[in-house]
Amino acid sequence: MLHGKKLIEIRKSGFVNKGAELMLYAVLEKIKQEFPDAKFVMETSSDAPYERRALLGFYQKPSLFRLGFQFGELFRLVPNIVKKMLGIVDDKKIDVVIDIAGFLYSDQWGVRSSQELANSCERWKKNDTIVILMPQAFGPFNTPRIRKYIKNAIDNADLVFAREKISYEYLVDVIGKRSSLKMAPDFSNLIQGVLPEDFDTENNRFCLVPNYRMVDKTSKEKSAAYLPFMIKCAEYLVEKGKKPFVLVHEGANDLMLAEAMNKAVGGVMPIVKETHALKIKGILGACEGTVGSRFHGLVSALSQGVPALATGWSHKYQMLFEDYGFPCGVLDVTCSEEELHKKLDLLIEPDSKAKIEESIKKEAENLKGESERMWSEVMAVLKS
């Protein structure tokens, strides 16, 4: 049973990817409610600098995968008193591992990540560590080595949640159905956003969220069409007087796209560069609508009843919009300008917008209920 000052590692999170950061806060909030004395651990990484981890009270664990096995073995020879002084935790001391990778274990990301997961899960099993893979997108798994690693990982995990039916089916194809494999929606839908005090809600009404993954993770045709597509969205929203702005959800490449979009419409769109995930969610919740390509930006909008249109580079986008009862909200960046305008009008015209809002809000409540049930299953494993 998990009780007292147990060590819980939250892995594959960070502060660069805002979806990862949002999921991190969601996990911390729920676990602390149930186990207020638990202590949290995070691997050292460039995505999770010491300063950010320290502010949240995380102990730190050197990454054996990044440092190399031999160095990791040598590290274990460091006296415990020294590790304690530095807030460093050995992998063997971890009681629970909660993986919130989001979307990492797939042919699209290569062999390395799936291999690391398999090796880690096997190691944790030997240490009697509880391993839970939180709701995330999986697959496809067509590469034989990746299939082998995924099977090994799931065999050694206590609980695995696929975020939607396609991911679930990809996993079943590899490992078959089993009681430890379940389906649950993205769990960041439960956490509340925070609207920044200085955010101008009057002049920032319709949010555009670019994603460089639409350039480097899509076909040559779609990659070339993506920026012109986003520019057309911006031009039409400006023409309709909807006061669009661009929200930079993550990194320099997204900012580059934002600046190109703004330049194309004559520099009239504000570019909002917010670095805190909860504030980003607060901003998205205050908008009239959004067109986005960042998955958790779309979750943040839809879960708060804000109508959205999406472009995506994996199955997770289409599945998300099916969950929210608005499958036609996912657009192909090569669509005609006429089709694009018709879809944007759905979010602009009062009657159609109201109907979409009503439907999205209803599904949002259902999905939040599913997330609460997911947490009940997680807590049952931790307490059993």
Protein backbone atom coordinates (compact mmCIF):
# COMPACT_ATOMS: atom_id res chain seq x y z
CA MET A 1 0.00 0.00 0.00
CA LEU A 2 1.17 3.53 -0.77
CA HIS A 3 1.34 5.45 2.48
CA GLY A 4 3.63 7.81 4.34
CA LYS A 5 6.49 9.59 2.64
CA LYS A 6 6.68 7.38 -0.46
CA LEU A 7 8.67 8.39 -3.53
CA ILE A 8 6.71 8.88 -6.74
CA GLU A 9 8.51 9.54 -10.01
CA ILE A 10 6.66 11.53 -12.65
CA ARG A 11 8.41 10.82 -15.90
CA LYS A 12 8.49 12.18 -19.44
CA SER A 13 7.29 15.56 -18.30
CA GLY A 14 8.94 18.95 -18.51
CA PHE A 15 8.39 22.65 -18.91
CA VAL A 16 9.16 23.21 -22.61
CA ASN A 17 6.22 21.26 -24.02
CA LYS A 18 3.20 22.94 -22.46
CA GLY A 19 1.06 19.83 -22.73
CA ALA A 20 3.64 17.92 -20.68
CA GLU A 21 3.68 20.72 -18.12
CA LEU A 22 -0.11 20.77 -17.91
CA MET A 23 -0.24 17.02 -17.33
CA LEU A 24 2.43 17.38 -14.65
CA TYR A 25 0.30 19.85 -12.68
CA ALA A 26 -2.74 17.60 -13.12
CA VAL A 27 -0.90 14.60 -11.64
CA LEU A 28 0.54 16.59 -8.75
CA GLU A 29 -2.87 18.01 -7.88
CA LYS A 30 -4.61 14.60 -7.72
CA ILE A 31 -1.83 12.64 -5.99
CA LYS A 32 -1.33 15.31 -3.32
CA GLN A 33 -5.04 15.27 -2.53
CA GLU A 34 -4.93 11.54 -1.82
CA PHE A 35 -1.38 11.18 -0.47
CA PRO A 36 -0.32 14.52 1.06
CA ASP A 37 2.93 13.10 2.48
CA ALA A 38 4.17 11.63 -0.80
CA LYS A 39 7.45 12.91 -2.20
CA PHE A 40 7.99 13.48 -5.92
CA VAL A 41 10.94 12.70 -8.15
CA MET A 42 11.82 13.79 -11.68
CA GLU A 43 14.68 12.78 -13.94
CA THR A 44 17.23 15.42 -14.81
CA SER A 45 16.77 16.72 -18.36
CA SER A 46 17.08 19.82 -20.47
CA ASP A 47 13.26 20.00 -20.63
CA ALA A 48 13.05 20.11 -16.83
CA PRO A 49 15.81 22.42 -15.55
CA TYR A 50 16.74 22.27 -11.88
CA GLU A 51 15.25 25.69 -11.10
CA ARG A 52 11.77 24.66 -12.31
CA ARG A 53 11.91 21.27 -10.58
CA ALA A 54 13.09 22.84 -7.33
CA LEU A 55 10.18 25.28 -7.25
CA LEU A 56 7.80 22.30 -7.18
CA GLY A 57 9.82 20.47 -4.52
CA PHE A 58 11.02 17.62 -6.75
CA TYR A 59 13.84 15.33 -5.75
CA GLN A 60 16.06 14.55 -8.69
CA LYS A 61 17.08 11.30 -10.32
CA PRO A 62 20.01 11.10 -12.75
CA SER A 63 18.95 9.69 -16.10
CA LEU A 64 20.70 6.34 -16.51
CA PHE A 65 19.53 6.24 -20.12
CA ARG A 66 21.12 9.57 -20.96
CA LEU A 67 24.26 9.12 -18.85
CA GLY A 68 24.91 5.56 -19.93
CA PHE A 69 24.64 2.37 -17.92
CA GLN A 70 28.27 2.27 -16.77
CA PHE A 71 28.18 5.83 -15.44
CA GLY A 72 24.88 5.04 -13.75
CA GLU A 73 26.40 2.04 -12.00
CA LEU A 74 29.31 4.19 -10.79
CA PHE A 75 26.85 6.81 -9.53
CA ARG A 76 25.32 4.22 -7.22
CA LEU A 77 28.66 4.10 -5.38
CA VAL A 78 28.19 7.69 -4.20
CA PRO A 79 27.53 7.63 -0.42
CA ASN A 80 23.86 7.94 0.54
CA ILE A 81 24.59 10.87 2.86
CA VAL A 82 25.93 12.85 -0.12
CA LYS A 83 22.90 11.99 -2.26
CA LYS A 84 20.58 13.05 0.55
CA MET A 85 22.34 16.40 0.90
CA LEU A 86 21.90 17.01 -2.84
CA GLY A 87 18.29 15.77 -3.02
CA ILE A 88 19.27 12.94 -5.35
CA VAL A 89 17.33 9.66 -5.41
CA ASP A 90 18.41 6.24 -6.68
CA ASP A 91 16.16 4.52 -9.18
CA LYS A 92 15.84 1.53 -6.82
CA LYS A 93 14.31 3.75 -4.13
CA ILE A 94 11.31 4.75 -6.27
CA ASP A 95 8.00 3.31 -5.07
CA VAL A 96 5.79 4.42 -7.98
CA VAL A 97 6.48 5.54 -11.55
CA ILE A 98 3.80 7.56 -13.35
CA ASP A 99 4.53 8.00 -17.07
CA ILE A 100 2.88 11.00 -18.76
CA ALA A 101 4.69 10.88 -22.10
CA GLY A 102 1.63 12.08 -24.05
CA PHE A 103 2.73 10.73 -27.43
CA LEU A 104 6.15 9.11 -27.61
CA TYR A 105 5.79 5.37 -28.12
CA SER A 106 5.15 4.98 -31.82
CA ASP A 107 6.80 4.28 -35.16
CA GLN A 108 6.69 8.05 -35.71
CA TRP A 109 9.21 8.63 -32.89
CA GLY A 110 11.51 5.71 -33.69
CA VAL A 111 12.91 2.77 -31.73
CA ARG A 112 14.81 4.65 -29.04
CA SER A 113 11.90 5.78 -26.86
CA SER A 114 10.12 2.40 -26.92
CA GLN A 115 13.37 0.58 -26.12
CA GLU A 116 14.01 2.87 -23.15
CA LEU A 117 10.49 2.27 -21.85
CA ALA A 118 10.86 -1.50 -22.14
CA ASN A 119 14.22 -1.55 -20.38
CA SER A 120 12.95 0.73 -17.62
CA CYS A 121 9.73 -1.23 -17.02
CA GLU A 122 11.71 -4.47 -16.77
CA ARG A 123 14.06 -2.87 -14.24
CA TRP A 124 11.19 -1.43 -12.19
CA LYS A 125 9.41 -4.80 -12.12
CA LYS A 126 12.47 -6.34 -10.51
CA ASN A 127 12.46 -3.52 -7.94
CA ASP A 128 8.74 -4.06 -7.12
CA THR A 129 8.01 -0.55 -8.33
CA ILE A 130 4.41 0.22 -9.34
CA VAL A 131 4.33 1.42 -12.98
CA ILE A 132 1.38 3.34 -14.43
CA LEU A 133 1.25 4.69 -17.97
CA MET A 134 -1.27 7.53 -17.86
CA PRO A 135 -3.66 8.26 -20.76
CA GLN A 136 -1.65 8.93 -23.88
CA ALA A 137 -1.57 8.24 -27.61
CA PHE A 138 0.14 5.03 -28.75
CA GLY A 139 1.18 3.64 -32.13
CA PRO A 140 1.16 2.70 -34.83
CA PHE A 141 3.54 -0.21 -34.18
CA ASN A 142 4.63 -1.67 -37.51
CA THR A 143 8.36 -1.92 -36.76
CA PRO A 144 9.17 -5.40 -35.36
CA ARG A 145 11.65 -4.09 -32.79
CA ILE A 146 9.18 -1.48 -31.53
CA ARG A 147 6.43 -4.11 -31.25
CA LYS A 148 8.77 -6.27 -29.16
CA TYR A 149 9.70 -3.38 -26.86
CA ILE A 150 6.10 -2.26 -26.39
CA LYS A 151 5.01 -5.80 -25.49
CA ASN A 152 7.84 -6.05 -22.97
CA ALA A 153 6.93 -2.68 -21.46
CA ILE A 154 3.21 -3.47 -21.07
CA ASP A 155 4.01 -6.92 -19.66
CA ASN A 156 5.88 -5.20 -16.82
CA ALA A 157 3.47 -2.32 -16.17
CA ASP A 158 0.68 -2.39 -13.59
CA LEU A 159 -1.78 -0.13 -15.40
CA VAL A 160 -1.83 1.31 -18.93
CA PHE A 161 -4.32 3.83 -20.34
CA ALA A 162 -4.76 4.45 -24.05
CA ARG A 163 -6.21 7.90 -24.69
CA GLU A 164 -8.62 6.83 -27.42
CA LYS A 165 -9.82 3.79 -29.36
CA ILE A 166 -7.21 3.84 -32.15
CA SER A 167 -4.35 3.86 -29.62
CA TYR A 168 -6.13 1.11 -27.68
CA GLU A 169 -6.46 -1.00 -30.82
CA TYR A 170 -2.79 -0.47 -31.70
CA LEU A 171 -1.86 -1.83 -28.27
CA VAL A 172 -4.30 -4.74 -28.44
CA ASP A 173 -2.79 -5.71 -31.79
CA VAL A 174 0.57 -6.08 -30.05
CA ILE A 175 -0.35 -7.51 -26.64
CA GLY A 176 -3.99 -8.63 -26.86
CA LYS A 177 -6.71 -7.56 -24.43
CA ARG A 178 -5.89 -7.66 -20.73
CA SER A 179 -7.25 -6.27 -17.49
CA SER A 180 -4.33 -3.85 -17.00
CA LEU A 181 -5.00 -2.17 -20.37
CA LYS A 182 -7.77 0.43 -20.26
CA MET A 183 -9.00 3.50 -22.11
CA ALA A 184 -9.44 7.01 -20.69
CA PRO A 185 -9.39 10.55 -22.13
CA ASP A 186 -6.67 13.13 -21.71
CA PHE A 187 -6.68 13.90 -17.99
CA SER A 188 -5.57 17.54 -18.24
CA ASN A 189 -9.26 18.31 -18.84
CA LEU A 190 -9.79 18.39 -15.05
CA ILE A 191 -7.25 21.04 -14.11
CA GLN A 192 -8.29 24.69 -14.00
CA GLY A 193 -6.52 27.33 -16.04
CA VAL A 194 -5.42 30.73 -14.72
CA LEU A 195 -6.12 33.85 -16.78
CA PRO A 196 -3.15 36.26 -16.57
CA GLU A 197 -4.10 39.61 -15.03
CA ASP A 198 -2.51 41.53 -17.88
CA PHE A 199 -4.18 39.58 -20.70
CA ASP A 200 -6.26 41.84 -22.94
CA THR A 201 -9.52 39.93 -23.43
CA GLU A 202 -11.09 42.80 -25.36
CA ASN A 203 -8.56 42.86 -28.20
CA ASN A 204 -7.56 39.16 -28.21
CA ARG A 205 -10.76 37.33 -29.08
CA PHE A 206 -9.94 34.52 -31.52
CA CYS A 207 -6.84 32.42 -30.91
CA LEU A 208 -4.54 30.89 -33.52
CA VAL A 209 -2.07 28.28 -32.23
CA PRO A 210 0.59 27.12 -34.71
CA ASN A 211 2.67 23.97 -34.34
CA TYR A 212 5.96 23.34 -36.10
CA ARG A 213 5.26 19.58 -35.98
CA MET A 214 2.90 20.28 -38.90
CA VAL A 215 6.01 21.21 -40.86
CA ASP A 216 8.51 18.55 -39.79
CA LYS A 217 6.19 15.57 -39.11
CA THR A 218 3.92 15.66 -42.18
CA SER A 219 4.21 14.86 -45.88
CA LYS A 220 6.04 17.26 -48.18
CA GLU A 221 2.73 18.51 -49.60
CA LYS A 222 1.13 19.21 -46.21
CA SER A 223 4.31 20.66 -44.78
CA ALA A 224 4.46 23.22 -47.59
CA ALA A 225 0.73 24.00 -47.29
CA TYR A 226 0.66 24.52 -43.51
CA LEU A 227 1.84 28.12 -43.13
CA PRO A 228 -0.27 29.38 -46.08
CA PHE A 229 -3.26 27.61 -44.48
CA MET A 230 -2.73 29.36 -41.15
CA ILE A 231 -2.25 32.69 -42.93
CA LYS A 232 -5.59 32.21 -44.74
CA CYS A 233 -7.23 31.61 -41.37
CA ALA A 234 -5.71 34.80 -40.01
CA GLU A 235 -6.69 36.86 -43.06
CA TYR A 236 -10.32 35.71 -42.92
CA LEU A 237 -10.61 36.35 -39.17
CA VAL A 238 -9.14 39.85 -39.60
CA GLU A 239 -11.56 40.50 -42.47
CA LYS A 240 -14.48 39.42 -40.27
CA GLY A 241 -13.36 41.68 -37.42
CA LYS A 242 -12.86 38.76 -34.99
CA LYS A 243 -9.69 40.26 -33.41
CA PRO A 244 -7.43 37.24 -33.89
CA PHE A 245 -4.15 36.82 -32.05
CA VAL A 246 -1.42 34.19 -32.17
CA LEU A 247 -0.57 32.19 -29.06
CA VAL A 248 2.90 30.67 -28.99
CA HIS A 249 2.32 27.36 -27.24
CA GLU A 250 5.88 26.12 -27.43
CA GLY A 251 9.34 27.14 -28.57
CA ALA A 252 11.24 29.16 -31.13
CA ASN A 253 9.87 27.33 -34.18
CA ASP A 254 6.28 28.06 -33.19
CA LEU A 255 7.27 31.70 -32.68
CA MET A 256 8.78 31.76 -36.18
CA LEU A 257 5.45 30.60 -37.62
CA ALA A 258 3.58 33.17 -35.51
CA GLU A 259 5.74 36.00 -36.79
CA ALA A 260 5.30 34.88 -40.40
CA MET A 261 1.52 34.77 -39.94
CA ASN A 262 1.44 38.21 -38.41
CA LYS A 263 3.65 39.69 -41.11
CA ALA A 264 1.34 38.30 -43.80
CA VAL A 265 -1.65 40.20 -42.38
CA GLY A 266 0.21 43.46 -42.01
CA GLY A 267 1.35 43.09 -38.39
CA VAL A 268 -2.12 43.67 -36.92
CA MET A 269 -2.26 40.46 -34.82
CA PRO A 270 -0.84 40.45 -31.30
CA ILE A 271 1.59 37.61 -30.58
CA VAL A 272 1.15 36.26 -27.05
CA LYS A 273 4.19 34.47 -25.61
CA GLU A 274 3.08 32.91 -22.33
CA THR A 275 5.41 30.39 -20.68
CA HIS A 276 3.20 28.93 -17.93
CA ALA A 277 0.92 26.06 -18.98
CA LEU A 278 -1.92 26.97 -16.60
CA LYS A 279 -1.95 30.54 -17.90
CA ILE A 280 -2.03 29.27 -21.48
CA LYS A 281 -5.09 27.21 -20.57
CA GLY A 282 -6.63 30.29 -18.94
CA ILE A 283 -6.10 32.31 -22.11
CA LEU A 284 -7.65 29.62 -24.31
CA GLY A 285 -10.65 29.41 -22.01
CA ALA A 286 -11.29 33.15 -22.37
CA CYS A 287 -11.42 33.10 -26.20
CA GLU A 288 -14.42 33.02 -28.53
CA GLY A 289 -12.82 30.30 -30.62
CA THR A 290 -9.52 28.85 -31.75
CA VAL A 291 -7.80 27.28 -34.73
CA GLY A 292 -4.91 25.22 -33.50
CA SER A 293 -2.41 22.47 -34.15
CA ARG A 294 -1.12 21.90 -30.61
CA PHE A 295 -2.93 18.92 -29.11
CA HIS A 296 -3.11 20.17 -25.54
CA GLY A 297 -4.00 23.64 -26.72
CA LEU A 298 -7.04 22.07 -28.33
CA VAL A 299 -7.82 20.01 -25.21
CA SER A 300 -7.59 23.19 -23.14
CA ALA A 301 -10.08 24.95 -25.41
CA LEU A 302 -12.56 22.11 -25.88
CA SER A 303 -12.57 21.05 -22.23
CA GLN A 304 -13.68 24.60 -21.36
CA GLY A 305 -16.42 24.64 -23.99
CA VAL A 306 -14.54 26.85 -26.47
CA PRO A 307 -15.25 25.93 -30.13
CA ALA A 308 -12.17 24.89 -32.04
CA LEU A 309 -10.91 23.83 -35.45
CA ALA A 310 -7.77 21.74 -35.77
CA THR A 311 -5.05 20.57 -38.08
CA GLY A 312 -3.11 17.54 -36.95
CA TRP A 313 -0.17 15.31 -37.75
CA SER A 314 -1.31 12.08 -36.05
CA HIS A 315 -4.48 10.12 -35.33
CA LYS A 316 -4.78 11.70 -31.89
CA TYR A 317 -6.31 14.91 -33.31
CA GLN A 318 -9.17 13.20 -35.13
CA MET A 319 -9.85 11.02 -32.11
CA LEU A 320 -9.92 14.06 -29.81
CA PHE A 321 -12.56 15.79 -31.92
CA GLU A 322 -14.63 12.62 -32.13
CA ASP A 323 -14.56 12.47 -28.33
CA TYR A 324 -15.94 16.01 -28.22
CA GLY A 325 -18.64 15.26 -30.79
CA PHE A 326 -17.22 17.58 -33.47
CA PRO A 327 -15.29 15.33 -35.91
CA CYS A 328 -15.71 17.75 -38.81
CA GLY A 329 -13.62 20.25 -36.85
CA VAL A 330 -10.38 18.61 -38.04
CA LEU A 331 -9.26 20.20 -41.32
CA ASP A 332 -6.86 19.19 -44.05
CA VAL A 333 -4.35 21.99 -44.67
CA THR A 334 -4.70 21.39 -48.43
CA CYS A 335 -8.45 22.10 -48.39
CA SER A 336 -9.90 24.80 -50.62
CA GLU A 337 -10.27 28.36 -49.41
CA GLU A 338 -14.04 28.03 -49.80
CA GLU A 339 -14.15 24.99 -47.50
CA LEU A 340 -11.92 26.74 -44.96
CA HIS A 341 -14.18 29.77 -44.87
CA LYS A 342 -17.26 27.56 -44.37
CA LYS A 343 -15.62 25.88 -41.38
CA LEU A 344 -14.52 29.18 -39.88
CA ASP A 345 -18.06 30.51 -40.33
CA LEU A 346 -19.29 27.68 -38.09
CA LEU A 347 -17.30 29.28 -35.27
CA ILE A 348 -18.20 32.85 -36.25
CA GLU A 349 -21.93 32.81 -37.01
CA PRO A 350 -23.90 33.08 -33.71
CA ASP A 351 -26.41 30.26 -34.34
CA SER A 352 -23.92 27.61 -35.45
CA LYS A 353 -21.41 28.70 -32.81
CA ALA A 354 -24.02 28.34 -30.04
CA LYS A 355 -24.94 24.81 -31.18
CA ILE A 356 -21.30 23.74 -31.29
CA GLU A 357 -20.65 25.25 -27.85
CA GLU A 358 -23.61 23.41 -26.36
CA SER A 359 -22.48 20.08 -27.81
CA ILE A 360 -18.86 20.53 -26.79
CA LYS A 361 -19.77 21.50 -23.22
CA LYS A 362 -21.94 18.39 -22.87
CA GLU A 363 -19.17 16.10 -24.09
CA ALA A 364 -16.62 17.95 -21.94
CA GLU A 365 -18.59 17.08 -18.82
CA ASN A 366 -18.82 13.44 -19.88
CA LEU A 367 -15.07 13.27 -20.50
CA LYS A 368 -14.31 14.88 -17.16
CA GLY A 369 -16.39 12.15 -15.55
CA GLU A 370 -14.31 9.54 -17.39
CA SER A 371 -11.12 11.20 -16.15
CA GLU A 372 -12.41 11.04 -12.57
CA ARG A 373 -13.12 7.32 -13.03
CA MET A 374 -9.60 6.87 -14.40
CA TRP A 375 -8.16 8.47 -11.28
CA SER A 376 -10.27 6.16 -9.12
CA GLU A 377 -8.65 3.19 -10.88
CA VAL A 378 -5.18 4.67 -10.40
CA MET A 379 -5.78 5.27 -6.71
CA ALA A 380 -7.11 1.73 -6.31
CA VAL A 381 -3.84 0.33 -7.67
CA LEU A 382 -1.80 2.60 -5.42
CA LYS A 383 -3.81 1.59 -2.34
CA SER A 384 -4.21 -2.12 -3.05
